[in-house]
Protein backbone atom coordinates (compact mmCIF):
# COMPACT_ATOMS: atom_id res chain seq x y z
CA MET A 1 0.00 0.00 0.00
CA ASN A 2 1.39 3.37 -1.00
CA GLU A 3 0.86 6.12 1.57
CA GLU A 4 2.72 9.02 0.03
CA GLY A 5 1.96 12.50 1.23
CA ILE A 6 2.45 16.04 0.03
CA SER A 7 5.92 17.57 0.20
CA ALA A 8 5.15 21.23 -0.66
CA TRP A 9 2.10 23.45 -0.30
CA VAL A 10 0.65 26.91 -1.05
CA ASN A 11 -2.27 28.34 0.92
CA ASN A 12 -3.97 30.80 -1.44
CA SER A 13 -7.08 31.00 0.71
CA PRO A 14 -7.96 33.76 3.20
CA VAL A 15 -8.24 31.24 6.09
CA PRO A 16 -5.57 29.24 7.96
CA TYR A 17 -5.38 25.51 7.29
CA CYS A 18 -3.97 22.81 9.51
CA SER A 19 -1.96 19.93 8.09
CA TYR A 20 -1.55 16.57 9.80
CA PRO A 21 1.17 13.91 9.48
CA THR A 22 -1.36 11.06 9.22
CA LYS A 23 -4.64 10.53 7.42
CA ASP A 24 -7.95 11.27 9.15
CA TYR A 25 -6.52 14.38 10.88
CA GLN A 26 -4.47 12.43 13.41
CA GLY A 27 -1.22 13.61 14.98
CA THR A 28 0.09 17.06 15.78
CA ALA A 29 -1.32 19.78 13.52
CA SER A 30 0.89 22.31 11.76
CA ALA A 31 -0.71 25.65 10.89
CA MET A 32 -0.59 26.99 7.35
CA ALA A 33 -1.26 30.74 7.51
CA PRO A 34 -3.24 32.47 4.72
CA ALA A 35 -1.22 33.55 1.67
CA THR A 36 1.86 31.48 2.59
CA GLN A 37 3.76 28.53 1.19
CA GLY A 38 6.07 25.91 2.63
CA ALA A 39 7.36 22.37 2.66
CA ALA A 40 6.37 19.23 4.50
CA HIS A 41 9.62 17.31 4.80
CA ASN A 42 9.56 13.60 3.94
CA ASN A 43 6.03 13.90 2.50
CA LEU A 44 4.59 14.22 6.00
CA LEU A 45 1.44 16.13 5.00
CA LYS A 46 -1.27 13.43 4.82
CA SER A 47 -4.49 15.33 5.65
CA LEU A 48 -5.61 18.95 5.59
CA ARG A 49 -8.55 21.04 6.85
CA PRO A 50 -9.34 24.60 7.98
CA CYS A 51 -8.11 25.29 11.51
């Protein structure tokens, strides 16, 4: 089973999003501020939702 994640992101929305290292929003959330971009090292971004 392949469980790759996302390694880079851009938040073009006006709201903050939270990324999680596992699917189903499990684990410690990392905030993604509006109008920012970044990287999730080792493809650790597995799920995403507004904070």
